[in-house]
Amino acid sequence: MTIPSAIIVGGGLAGMVVARELALRGWRVILIERSKRLGGKAGSDIKNGRLVEHGYHVFPQWYPNVRAIVERIGARLIDFDRYHFLLPGGYPRRITVRGPSGLSAMWHFVFNGLLPWYHNILYMYSVLDMISRPLSEKSFLDRVSQIGLIRGKWYTSESVAELGQENVLKASAIPVYDLSAMTAKRIASYWLRQASPFLSILPGDLQTVFIDPQVHELEALGVEFRYDCEVCGVVMHEGGVAAVALRDGTELSADVYALCTPFEVTRTWLQDSLYKADPELGNMHFLEAQPMAALHLHLRRELPDLPGEHVFLHGSYYGLSFIDVGRHWKELDGEHGEPQLSFISSNYGPLNAVSKEGAKNLLLEEICEYLPMTPANVKNWELNPNTDVPLFINTIGAWSNRPRPRTKIKNLYLAGDYVKNAIDLACMEGAVSSALEAAAQILEDHGETESLPAVQVPPEWPRVLLVFARILMFPVVAVARVIAWLEEKFSPHRPDASEVRIKATPKLQMDSRPPRKR
């Protein structure tokens, strides 16, 4: 009996999952990776003698397929039930938000959140209204922005809209005018249903704790790795893929091919014959990606009262958030108590053409508005602009342009966060979900029907309960909206903003409204 063979192009998380599922069932698998390591955007690179991530990663409870990998390799997640906001010039005062795991957490949010209680109620209602929409409206929700949807609602105050815009940007690196309402609905639905733990992190960098154990699994299964091996095209023959062409002029052939590379790479191979075989793949040219930059700061001294959970800099121009990984990662060097802050900049676009040194200085200027530190406190730093490895973003109307795991070409499959998947989100969980679906379809197409890979889909609250909760909240929401309207009319205020944001935003420079009293 001939052993079936597969070539997996791309050694990121999706490629590793497809390779493992096929190798487990006796397939001969070749995994091709352009770089010197596996893991892709979920891995870490060695810079200045140490591993540096592309940015901090979180593992919420509604990542069932990713968490299954974590459990399988024996890693231990560190769980958090809250996160914090810092205001410019307000340290050490912080505003703590607990995950919506129960009525007490929601009560805490209403009376201890960023905004006065009446705005917080309106914000909660806006989320409830969005997630209670029926799935029959999926086509509509995919074609309107999240902020456009809520701004058109009677209950939306200006403060609620501003908070929604900031939360969207920091959670997804997607500008609010680009994020589809369907994506926002999915994220909120999953997080509200499984809010405890709200966020989790690994006890070390992803490469060491998460990726390398999976590499060892693949090695044990006999998967063949081809590092420093770049694919430059797909060779077609009689309606199917005959080989992948390599940059060195050679070709590799197998029974099945799975392209698990980012869409901006995959679409460069859509030449005449491949495009003719499946014209729908050309829609990948309509997909978009944005960089989410990461700045790692090793400080010389401890910062008093620094939280151990994730911290968001409210009003930050560059969309900054961070976590002190120094207290969670045992393998980090340095003296005890020296913070190792892992920042993400969700709004790095204005700095795309700025040098690394210049961008670091500009980011640090804003960071120093929030934390009691100066540039002299920085022992060493590393900036990953990630402009060469941008993240796929679920923009308005993107769903119809995203390909499915099984293409119209008989032996070609796709996997990655941009591929349509069960959870409908572009994230680590989406990449794994699409990879499991691709592996299942490969096996099914080759006659295997038992023990196929299965995707776990995170649960959501039944719509009837959400609609009932929305009805119960209506009287309170109506009162809150009246109070918010009176405040906006007779006591207007400008949004919280760092000096960096004010200097870069003409609208804020001309805003004569006073800041909100806290």
Protein backbone atom coordinates (compact mmCIF):
# COMPACT_ATOMS: atom_id res chain seq x y z
CA MET A 1 0.00 0.00 0.00
CA THR A 2 1.41 3.37 -1.03
CA ILE A 3 1.92 5.82 1.80
CA PRO A 4 0.20 9.15 0.99
CA SER A 5 2.44 12.20 1.00
CA ALA A 6 1.89 15.89 1.71
CA ILE A 7 3.92 19.05 1.33
CA ILE A 8 3.10 21.74 3.87
CA VAL A 9 4.33 25.18 2.83
CA GLY A 10 4.79 27.46 5.85
CA GLY A 11 6.00 26.41 9.28
CA GLY A 12 3.82 28.70 11.33
CA LEU A 13 1.25 27.46 13.82
CA ALA A 14 -1.25 26.46 11.11
CA GLY A 15 1.35 24.52 9.13
CA MET A 16 2.54 22.69 12.24
CA VAL A 17 -1.03 21.65 13.13
CA VAL A 18 -1.77 20.31 9.62
CA ALA A 19 1.58 18.46 9.56
CA ARG A 20 0.93 16.82 12.93
CA GLU A 21 -2.59 15.66 12.07
CA LEU A 22 -1.42 14.03 8.84
CA ALA A 23 1.74 12.53 10.33
CA LEU A 24 -0.29 11.02 13.19
CA ARG A 25 -2.21 9.04 10.57
CA GLY A 26 0.86 7.68 8.84
CA TRP A 27 1.33 10.26 6.08
CA ARG A 28 4.76 11.18 4.79
CA VAL A 29 5.00 14.92 5.45
CA ILE A 30 7.52 17.50 4.29
CA LEU A 31 7.27 20.87 6.04
CA ILE A 32 8.85 23.75 4.12
CA GLU A 33 9.86 26.88 6.04
CA ARG A 34 11.52 29.98 4.61
CA SER A 35 13.22 30.96 7.88
CA LYS A 36 15.52 29.09 10.25
CA ARG A 37 12.81 28.18 12.76
CA LEU A 38 9.16 27.11 13.02
CA GLY A 39 6.40 29.09 14.68
CA GLY A 40 5.94 32.02 12.31
CA LYS A 41 4.30 35.01 13.97
CA ALA A 42 3.67 32.90 17.08
CA GLY A 43 7.37 32.28 17.60
CA SER A 44 10.36 34.28 18.82
CA ASP A 45 13.57 35.44 17.16
CA ILE A 46 17.05 35.74 18.62
CA LYS A 47 18.14 39.39 18.79
CA ASN A 48 21.21 40.56 20.65
CA GLY A 49 21.63 37.10 22.13
CA ARG A 50 18.11 36.68 23.50
CA LEU A 51 14.71 35.52 22.30
CA VAL A 52 12.37 38.37 21.47
CA GLU A 53 8.67 37.86 20.67
CA HIS A 54 6.66 39.61 17.98
CA GLY A 55 4.53 40.96 20.83
CA TYR A 56 2.87 39.60 23.95
CA HIS A 57 0.25 36.94 23.33
CA VAL A 58 -2.85 36.12 25.33
CA PHE A 59 -4.75 32.85 25.68
CA PRO A 60 -8.37 33.61 26.65
CA GLN A 61 -10.65 30.84 27.83
CA TRP A 62 -12.45 30.87 24.48
CA TYR A 63 -9.33 29.54 22.69
CA PRO A 64 -10.30 25.86 23.12
CA ASN A 65 -8.17 24.49 20.28
CA VAL A 66 -5.07 26.48 21.23
CA ARG A 67 -5.55 25.57 24.88
CA ALA A 68 -5.79 21.91 23.86
CA ILE A 69 -2.28 22.24 22.40
CA VAL A 70 -1.06 23.94 25.58
CA GLU A 71 -2.46 21.10 27.69
CA ARG A 72 -1.07 18.44 25.38
CA ILE A 73 2.51 19.75 25.57
CA GLY A 74 2.29 20.14 29.35
CA ALA A 75 2.60 23.94 29.56
CA ARG A 76 1.02 25.81 32.47
CA LEU A 77 -0.89 28.99 31.78
CA ILE A 78 -0.89 31.94 34.18
CA ASP A 79 -4.46 33.18 34.54
CA PHE A 80 -5.75 36.71 35.15
CA ASP A 81 -9.27 37.82 35.95
CA ARG A 82 -8.68 41.56 35.41
CA TYR A 83 -6.77 44.23 33.54
CA HIS A 84 -6.02 47.88 34.22
CA PHE A 85 -6.16 51.32 32.65
CA LEU A 86 -3.65 54.08 33.35
CA LEU A 87 -4.37 57.74 32.61
CA PRO A 88 -1.69 60.20 31.48
CA GLY A 89 -0.09 61.82 34.52
CA GLY A 90 -2.20 59.75 36.91
CA TYR A 91 0.24 57.05 38.11
CA PRO A 92 0.01 55.14 40.43
CA ARG A 93 -3.78 55.50 40.28
CA ARG A 94 -5.24 52.88 38.02
CA ILE A 95 -8.70 51.83 36.96
CA THR A 96 -9.19 48.07 37.29
CA VAL A 97 -11.64 46.20 35.08
CA ARG A 98 -12.62 42.68 36.02
CA GLY A 99 -13.65 40.14 33.42
CA PRO A 100 -17.46 39.91 33.13
CA SER A 101 -17.60 36.54 34.86
CA GLY A 102 -20.58 37.35 37.09
CA LEU A 103 -22.91 40.00 38.46
CA SER A 104 -20.35 41.24 41.01
CA ALA A 105 -17.79 41.85 38.25
CA MET A 106 -20.36 43.74 36.18
CA TRP A 107 -21.39 45.79 39.21
CA HIS A 108 -17.73 46.65 39.76
CA PHE A 109 -17.42 47.74 36.14
CA VAL A 110 -20.47 50.00 36.32
CA PHE A 111 -19.34 51.93 39.40
CA ASN A 112 -15.56 51.63 39.08
CA GLY A 113 -14.98 51.76 35.32
CA LEU A 114 -13.34 54.41 33.19
CA LEU A 115 -16.54 56.41 32.78
CA PRO A 116 -19.31 57.53 35.13
CA TRP A 117 -21.84 54.83 35.93
CA TYR A 118 -24.44 55.98 33.41
CA HIS A 119 -21.96 55.83 30.51
CA ASN A 120 -20.76 52.41 31.68
CA ILE A 121 -24.35 51.12 31.62
CA LEU A 122 -24.76 52.45 28.09
CA TYR A 123 -21.51 50.76 27.05
CA MET A 124 -22.63 47.42 28.51
CA TYR A 125 -25.97 47.76 26.73
CA SER A 126 -24.26 48.50 23.41
CA VAL A 127 -22.31 45.24 23.72
CA LEU A 128 -25.44 43.32 24.73
CA ASP A 129 -27.41 44.78 21.82
CA MET A 130 -24.69 43.80 19.35
CA ILE A 131 -24.20 40.19 20.51
CA SER A 132 -27.95 39.55 20.70
CA ARG A 133 -28.37 40.16 16.98
CA PRO A 134 -29.38 36.98 15.11
CA LEU A 135 -26.89 35.14 12.91
CA SER A 136 -29.35 35.63 10.05
CA GLU A 137 -27.96 39.18 9.94
CA LYS A 138 -24.41 37.90 9.34
CA SER A 139 -24.24 39.27 5.81
CA PHE A 140 -25.37 42.70 7.00
CA LEU A 141 -23.06 42.75 10.03
CA ASP A 142 -20.09 41.82 7.86
CA ARG A 143 -20.71 44.86 5.68
CA VAL A 144 -20.98 47.56 8.33
CA SER A 145 -18.39 48.80 10.80
CA GLN A 146 -18.77 48.18 14.49
CA ILE A 147 -18.52 51.87 15.31
CA GLY A 148 -20.96 52.79 12.54
CA LEU A 149 -23.47 50.33 13.96
CA ILE A 150 -23.36 51.61 17.54
CA ARG A 151 -23.10 55.31 16.64
CA GLY A 152 -26.43 55.01 14.88
CA LYS A 153 -28.15 53.78 18.04
CA TRP A 154 -30.22 56.02 20.29
CA TYR A 155 -28.40 54.89 23.43
CA THR A 156 -24.86 55.70 22.27
CA SER A 157 -23.23 58.66 23.97
CA GLU A 158 -20.03 60.23 22.65
CA SER A 159 -18.09 58.81 25.60
CA VAL A 160 -19.35 55.29 24.87
CA ALA A 161 -18.35 55.62 21.21
CA GLU A 162 -14.86 56.83 22.17
CA LEU A 163 -14.37 53.96 24.63
CA GLY A 164 -15.56 51.46 22.05
CA GLN A 165 -13.13 52.85 19.47
CA GLU A 166 -10.17 52.58 21.85
CA ASN A 167 -11.04 49.07 23.00
CA VAL A 168 -11.38 47.84 19.42
CA LEU A 169 -8.03 49.30 18.37
CA LYS A 170 -6.10 47.85 21.30
CA ALA A 171 -7.75 44.44 21.10
CA SER A 172 -7.36 43.91 17.36
CA ALA A 173 -5.05 46.57 15.85
CA ILE A 174 -7.95 47.34 13.51
CA PRO A 175 -9.13 50.95 13.16
CA VAL A 176 -12.75 51.16 14.24
CA TYR A 177 -13.93 52.35 10.84
CA ASP A 178 -12.51 49.12 9.34
CA LEU A 179 -13.64 46.50 11.89
CA SER A 180 -16.79 44.69 10.81
CA ALA A 181 -19.66 44.51 13.26
CA MET A 182 -19.70 40.73 12.76
CA THR A 183 -16.14 40.41 14.03
CA ALA A 184 -16.92 42.60 17.04
CA LYS A 185 -20.02 40.49 17.75
CA ARG A 186 -18.00 37.27 17.68
CA ILE A 187 -15.25 38.56 19.98
CA ALA A 188 -17.71 39.96 22.52
CA SER A 189 -19.94 36.85 22.40
CA TYR A 190 -17.08 34.46 23.09
CA TRP A 191 -15.52 36.59 25.82
CA LEU A 192 -18.79 37.18 27.68
CA ARG A 193 -19.67 33.49 27.63
CA GLN A 194 -16.23 32.36 28.85
CA ALA A 195 -14.91 35.25 30.89
CA SER A 196 -12.99 33.31 33.50
CA PRO A 197 -10.07 33.34 33.25
CA PHE A 198 -10.34 36.55 31.28
CA LEU A 199 -6.76 36.46 29.99
CA SER A 200 -3.92 33.97 30.33
CA ILE A 201 -0.25 34.02 29.40
CA LEU A 202 2.52 31.45 29.17
CA PRO A 203 5.24 31.28 31.84
CA GLY A 204 7.89 32.01 29.19
CA ASP A 205 8.42 33.06 25.59
CA LEU A 206 6.32 31.34 22.93
CA GLN A 207 9.25 29.77 21.12
CA THR A 208 10.59 27.95 24.17
CA VAL A 209 7.34 27.08 25.93
CA PHE A 210 4.83 26.70 23.09
CA ILE A 211 6.50 26.19 19.70
CA ASP A 212 9.59 24.06 20.46
CA PRO A 213 7.59 21.28 22.22
CA GLN A 214 5.42 21.01 19.11
CA VAL A 215 8.55 20.84 16.95
CA HIS A 216 9.74 17.90 19.06
CA GLU A 217 6.37 16.20 18.51
CA LEU A 218 6.72 16.58 14.75
CA GLU A 219 10.27 15.24 14.84
CA ALA A 220 9.08 12.17 16.75
CA LEU A 221 6.36 11.62 14.13
CA GLY A 222 8.92 11.63 11.33
CA VAL A 223 8.01 14.95 9.72
CA GLU A 224 10.80 16.15 7.43
CA PHE A 225 11.77 19.81 7.88
CA ARG A 226 13.20 21.97 5.10
CA TYR A 227 14.51 25.18 6.67
CA ASP A 228 15.82 28.15 4.67
CA CYS A 229 13.73 26.82 1.82
CA GLU A 230 11.70 29.38 -0.10
CA VAL A 231 8.81 28.51 -2.39
CA CYS A 232 8.50 30.82 -5.40
CA GLY A 233 5.55 29.26 -7.22
CA VAL A 234 3.07 26.44 -7.70
CA VAL A 235 3.38 24.15 -10.72
CA MET A 236 0.04 23.07 -12.21
CA HIS A 237 -0.72 20.07 -14.40
CA GLU A 238 -4.11 18.84 -15.65
CA GLY A 239 -6.11 20.85 -13.13
CA GLY A 240 -4.08 19.86 -10.09
CA VAL A 241 -0.86 20.83 -8.37
CA ALA A 242 2.11 18.86 -9.68
CA ALA A 243 4.86 20.43 -7.57
CA VAL A 244 6.02 23.50 -5.71
CA ALA A 245 8.88 25.42 -7.29
CA LEU A 246 11.72 26.46 -4.99
CA ARG A 247 13.90 29.53 -5.21
CA ASP A 248 16.98 27.38 -5.93
CA GLY A 249 15.39 26.15 -9.18
CA THR A 250 14.33 22.71 -7.95
CA GLU A 251 10.81 21.31 -7.46
CA LEU A 252 9.19 19.15 -4.79
CA SER A 253 6.22 16.86 -5.45
CA ALA A 254 3.65 15.07 -3.27
CA ASP A 255 0.06 13.84 -3.40
CA VAL A 256 -1.35 16.81 -1.48
CA TYR A 257 -0.26 20.40 -0.92
CA ALA A 258 -1.28 22.68 1.94
CA LEU A 259 -0.35 26.35 1.71
CA CYS A 260 -0.12 27.62 5.28
CA THR A 261 1.66 30.88 4.56
CA PRO A 262 0.26 34.39 5.26
CA PHE A 263 -2.15 35.55 2.57
CA GLU A 264 0.21 38.30 1.43
CA VAL A 265 2.70 35.54 0.55
CA THR A 266 0.19 33.02 -0.81
CA ARG A 267 -1.37 35.47 -3.26
CA THR A 268 2.00 36.10 -4.95
CA TRP A 269 1.77 32.55 -6.36
CA LEU A 270 -1.55 33.17 -8.12
CA GLN A 271 -0.07 33.05 -11.59
CA ASP A 272 -1.94 32.19 -14.79
CA SER A 273 -2.53 28.47 -14.37
CA LEU A 274 -3.29 28.53 -10.64
CA TYR A 275 -5.66 31.47 -10.96
CA LYS A 276 -7.42 29.86 -13.93
CA ALA A 277 -7.98 26.67 -11.93
CA ASP A 278 -9.65 28.57 -9.04
CA PRO A 279 -10.45 32.24 -9.79
CA GLU A 280 -11.96 32.72 -6.32
CA LEU A 281 -8.45 32.65 -4.89
CA GLY A 282 -7.90 35.99 -6.56
CA ASN A 283 -10.13 37.56 -3.91
CA MET A 284 -7.16 37.31 -1.55
CA HIS A 285 -5.91 40.49 -3.21
CA PHE A 286 -8.77 42.32 -1.47
CA LEU A 287 -7.65 41.24 2.00
CA GLU A 288 -5.71 43.63 4.21
CA ALA A 289 -3.05 43.41 6.90
CA GLN A 290 -1.66 45.86 9.45
CA PRO A 291 1.46 45.66 11.61
CA MET A 292 1.11 45.43 15.38
CA ALA A 293 4.48 46.59 16.68
CA ALA A 294 6.14 45.40 19.88
CA LEU A 295 8.56 47.25 22.15
CA HIS A 296 10.43 45.39 24.88
CA LEU A 297 11.91 47.49 27.70
CA HIS A 298 14.25 46.17 30.38
CA LEU A 299 14.30 48.78 33.14
CA ARG A 300 17.09 49.49 35.62
CA ARG A 301 14.85 49.78 38.66
CA GLU A 302 11.55 48.57 39.97
CA LEU A 303 8.45 50.71 39.40
CA PRO A 304 6.37 51.00 42.58
CA ASP A 305 2.83 49.63 42.47
CA LEU A 306 3.20 48.23 38.94
CA PRO A 307 0.37 45.74 38.29
CA GLY A 308 1.15 42.17 37.37
CA GLU A 309 -1.71 41.98 34.87
CA HIS A 310 -2.12 43.65 31.48
CA VAL A 311 -2.20 47.45 31.48
CA PHE A 312 -3.77 49.69 28.82
CA LEU A 313 -2.65 53.30 28.45
CA HIS A 314 -5.97 55.11 28.08
CA GLY A 315 -5.86 57.93 25.56
CA SER A 316 -2.59 56.75 24.04
CA TYR A 317 -1.96 57.94 20.48
CA TYR A 318 0.01 54.83 19.56
CA GLY A 319 -2.52 52.45 21.15
CA LEU A 320 -0.09 51.23 23.81
CA SER A 321 -0.62 48.38 26.26
CA PHE A 322 1.85 46.23 28.19
CA ILE A 323 2.52 43.52 30.73
CA ASP A 324 5.53 43.10 33.00
CA VAL A 325 6.74 39.67 31.90
CA GLY A 326 9.73 39.95 34.24
CA ARG A 327 7.67 38.73 37.18
CA HIS A 328 6.17 35.81 35.21
CA TRP A 329 9.02 34.46 33.06
CA LYS A 330 11.51 32.59 35.22
CA GLU A 331 14.20 32.33 32.54
CA LEU A 332 14.64 36.09 32.10
CA ASP A 333 18.01 37.46 33.14
CA GLY A 334 18.61 40.59 35.21
CA GLU A 335 18.40 41.52 38.86
CA HIS A 336 15.36 40.63 40.89
CA GLY A 337 12.76 43.38 40.69
CA GLU A 338 13.89 44.82 37.36
CA PRO A 339 10.73 45.18 35.23
CA GLN A 340 10.72 43.68 31.75
CA LEU A 341 7.87 45.44 30.03
CA SER A 342 6.42 43.94 26.87
CA PHE A 343 4.51 46.65 24.98
CA ILE A 344 2.25 46.40 21.98
CA SER A 345 1.53 49.41 19.77
CA SER A 346 -1.79 48.87 18.01
CA ASN A 347 -1.55 52.19 16.15
CA TYR A 348 1.98 51.99 14.74
CA GLY A 349 0.97 53.26 11.29
CA PRO A 350 2.21 56.86 11.85
CA LEU A 351 5.69 55.44 12.58
CA ASN A 352 5.99 53.07 9.61
CA ALA A 353 8.66 55.19 7.89
CA VAL A 354 10.48 56.24 11.07
CA SER A 355 13.80 54.60 12.02
CA LYS A 356 13.81 52.07 14.88
CA GLU A 357 15.74 54.45 17.11
CA GLY A 358 13.37 57.31 16.31
CA ALA A 359 10.27 55.18 16.76
CA LYS A 360 11.56 53.88 20.10
CA ASN A 361 12.13 57.44 21.31
CA LEU A 362 8.64 58.54 20.23
CA LEU A 363 6.97 55.55 21.87
CA LEU A 364 9.03 56.11 25.01
CA GLU A 365 7.99 59.77 25.11
CA GLU A 366 4.36 58.71 25.40
CA ILE A 367 5.11 55.86 27.82
CA CYS A 368 6.78 58.31 30.19
CA GLU A 369 3.53 60.27 30.39
CA TYR A 370 1.93 57.26 32.06
CA LEU A 371 4.74 55.62 34.05
CA PRO A 372 7.13 57.21 36.61
CA MET A 373 10.24 56.76 34.48
CA THR A 374 12.54 58.53 32.03
CA PRO A 375 14.53 57.21 29.04
CA ALA A 376 17.54 56.99 31.39
CA ASN A 377 15.71 54.22 33.30
CA VAL A 378 15.86 51.92 30.25
CA LYS A 379 18.66 49.34 30.57
CA ASN A 380 18.11 47.88 27.11
CA TRP A 381 15.35 47.76 24.54
CA GLU A 382 14.23 45.93 21.43
CA LEU A 383 11.67 47.18 18.91
CA ASN A 384 9.86 44.86 16.51
CA PRO A 385 7.94 47.07 14.04
CA ASN A 386 6.60 43.87 12.44
CA THR A 387 6.00 45.77 9.19
CA ASP A 388 7.38 42.72 7.35
CA VAL A 389 4.99 40.35 9.16
CA PRO A 390 1.68 42.26 9.41
CA LEU A 391 -1.44 40.72 10.90
CA PHE A 392 -4.49 39.92 8.79
CA ILE A 393 -7.38 42.15 9.81
CA ASN A 394 -11.08 41.30 9.49
CA THR A 395 -12.17 44.45 7.70
CA ILE A 396 -15.68 45.26 6.53
CA GLY A 397 -16.74 42.82 3.83
CA ALA A 398 -13.64 40.64 4.24
CA TRP A 399 -15.56 37.42 4.96
CA SER A 400 -16.72 36.93 1.36
CA ASN A 401 -13.15 37.37 0.09
CA ARG A 402 -11.59 34.87 2.48
CA PRO A 403 -10.89 31.44 0.95
CA ARG A 404 -12.05 28.14 2.37
CA PRO A 405 -9.63 25.40 3.54
CA ARG A 406 -10.57 23.22 0.55
CA THR A 407 -9.96 24.97 -2.77
CA LYS A 408 -11.51 24.04 -6.13
CA ILE A 409 -8.17 22.47 -7.06
CA LYS A 410 -8.36 18.77 -6.25
CA ASN A 411 -5.15 18.49 -4.18
CA LEU A 412 -4.62 22.03 -2.87
CA TYR A 413 -5.67 23.19 0.60
CA LEU A 414 -5.19 26.38 2.61
CA ALA A 415 -4.77 27.11 6.32
CA GLY A 416 -4.09 30.25 8.32
CA ASP A 417 -5.91 32.91 10.27
CA TYR A 418 -7.18 34.51 7.04
CA VAL A 419 -8.90 31.29 5.90
CA LYS A 420 -12.58 30.89 6.75
CA ASN A 421 -12.87 28.96 9.98
CA ALA A 422 -15.41 27.90 12.57
CA ILE A 423 -14.82 30.81 14.95
CA ASP A 424 -14.75 33.45 12.18
CA LEU A 425 -11.84 35.38 13.72
CA ALA A 426 -8.32 36.26 12.61
CA CYS A 427 -6.21 35.23 15.60
CA MET A 428 -4.13 32.33 16.88
CA GLU A 429 -7.30 30.35 17.56
CA GLY A 430 -8.51 31.05 14.03
CA ALA A 431 -5.24 29.77 12.57
CA VAL A 432 -5.48 26.50 14.51
CA SER A 433 -9.18 26.08 13.70
CA SER A 434 -8.58 26.49 9.97
CA ALA A 435 -5.65 24.07 10.13
CA LEU A 436 -7.78 21.40 11.82
CA GLU A 437 -10.48 21.88 9.18
CA ALA A 438 -7.93 21.67 6.36
CA ALA A 439 -6.43 18.47 7.81
CA ALA A 440 -9.89 16.92 8.21
CA GLN A 441 -10.80 17.69 4.61
CA ILE A 442 -7.51 16.32 3.29
CA LEU A 443 -8.08 13.06 5.14
CA GLU A 444 -11.75 12.87 4.12
CA ASP A 445 -10.88 13.45 0.47
CA HIS A 446 -8.45 10.51 0.69
CA GLY A 447 -11.06 8.12 2.01
CA GLU A 448 -10.46 8.37 5.75
CA THR A 449 -13.69 8.67 7.72
CA GLU A 450 -12.77 7.71 11.28
CA SER A 451 -11.11 9.82 13.97
CA LEU A 452 -10.91 12.93 11.81
CA PRO A 453 -9.60 16.13 13.44
CA ALA A 454 -12.46 18.06 15.02
CA VAL A 455 -12.65 21.77 15.69
CA GLN A 456 -13.93 22.84 19.09
CA VAL A 457 -16.16 25.91 18.78
CA PRO A 458 -16.43 28.17 21.85
CA PRO A 459 -19.95 28.40 23.26
CA GLU A 460 -22.13 31.51 23.20
CA TRP A 461 -25.07 32.54 25.33
CA PRO A 462 -28.47 31.57 23.83
CA ARG A 463 -29.93 34.53 21.97
CA VAL A 464 -33.23 34.30 23.85
CA LEU A 465 -31.42 34.99 27.14
CA LEU A 466 -29.56 37.94 25.63
CA VAL A 467 -32.75 39.48 24.27
CA PHE A 468 -34.46 38.96 27.65
CA ALA A 469 -31.54 40.69 29.43
CA ARG A 470 -31.72 43.56 26.94
CA ILE A 471 -35.43 44.02 27.67
CA LEU A 472 -34.83 43.99 31.43
CA MET A 473 -32.11 46.63 31.11
CA PHE A 474 -34.17 48.99 28.97
CA PRO A 475 -35.65 51.20 31.75
CA VAL A 476 -32.24 51.68 33.39
CA VAL A 477 -30.64 52.38 30.00
CA ALA A 478 -33.26 55.00 29.19
CA VAL A 479 -32.53 56.84 32.45
CA ALA A 480 -28.78 56.56 31.88
CA ARG A 481 -29.14 57.99 28.37
CA VAL A 482 -31.05 61.01 29.64
CA ILE A 483 -28.35 61.72 32.24
CA ALA A 484 -25.62 61.29 29.62
CA TRP A 485 -27.44 63.64 27.24
CA LEU A 486 -27.73 66.29 29.94
CA GLU A 487 -24.04 65.96 30.71
CA GLU A 488 -23.07 66.28 27.06
CA LYS A 489 -25.26 69.36 26.66
CA PHE A 490 -24.45 71.28 29.84
CA SER A 491 -21.11 69.85 31.01
CA PRO A 492 -19.18 68.74 27.94
CA HIS A 493 -15.65 67.41 28.32
CA ARG A 494 -12.87 66.36 26.00
CA PRO A 495 -11.65 62.75 25.91
CA ASP A 496 -8.62 61.65 27.90
CA ALA A 497 -5.52 61.96 25.76
CA SER A 498 -1.76 61.98 26.14
CA GLU A 499 0.18 65.09 25.12
CA VAL A 500 1.58 63.05 22.23
CA ARG A 501 -1.93 62.34 20.98
CA ILE A 502 -3.01 65.96 21.38
CA LYS A 503 -0.02 67.21 19.37
CA ALA A 504 -0.80 64.74 16.58
CA THR A 505 -4.56 65.40 16.50
CA PRO A 506 -5.70 68.83 15.25
CA LYS A 507 -9.24 68.18 16.49
CA LEU A 508 -7.99 67.79 20.06
CA GLN A 509 -5.79 70.88 19.77
CA MET A 510 -8.88 72.95 18.96
CA ASP A 511 -11.04 71.27 21.63
CA SER A 512 -11.83 73.87 24.29
CA ARG A 513 -13.76 71.47 26.51
CA PRO A 514 -12.16 70.78 29.90
CA PRO A 515 -10.94 67.28 30.83
CA ARG A 516 -13.30 65.08 32.83
CA LYS A 517 -13.00 65.50 36.59
CA ARG A 518 -12.01 62.27 38.32
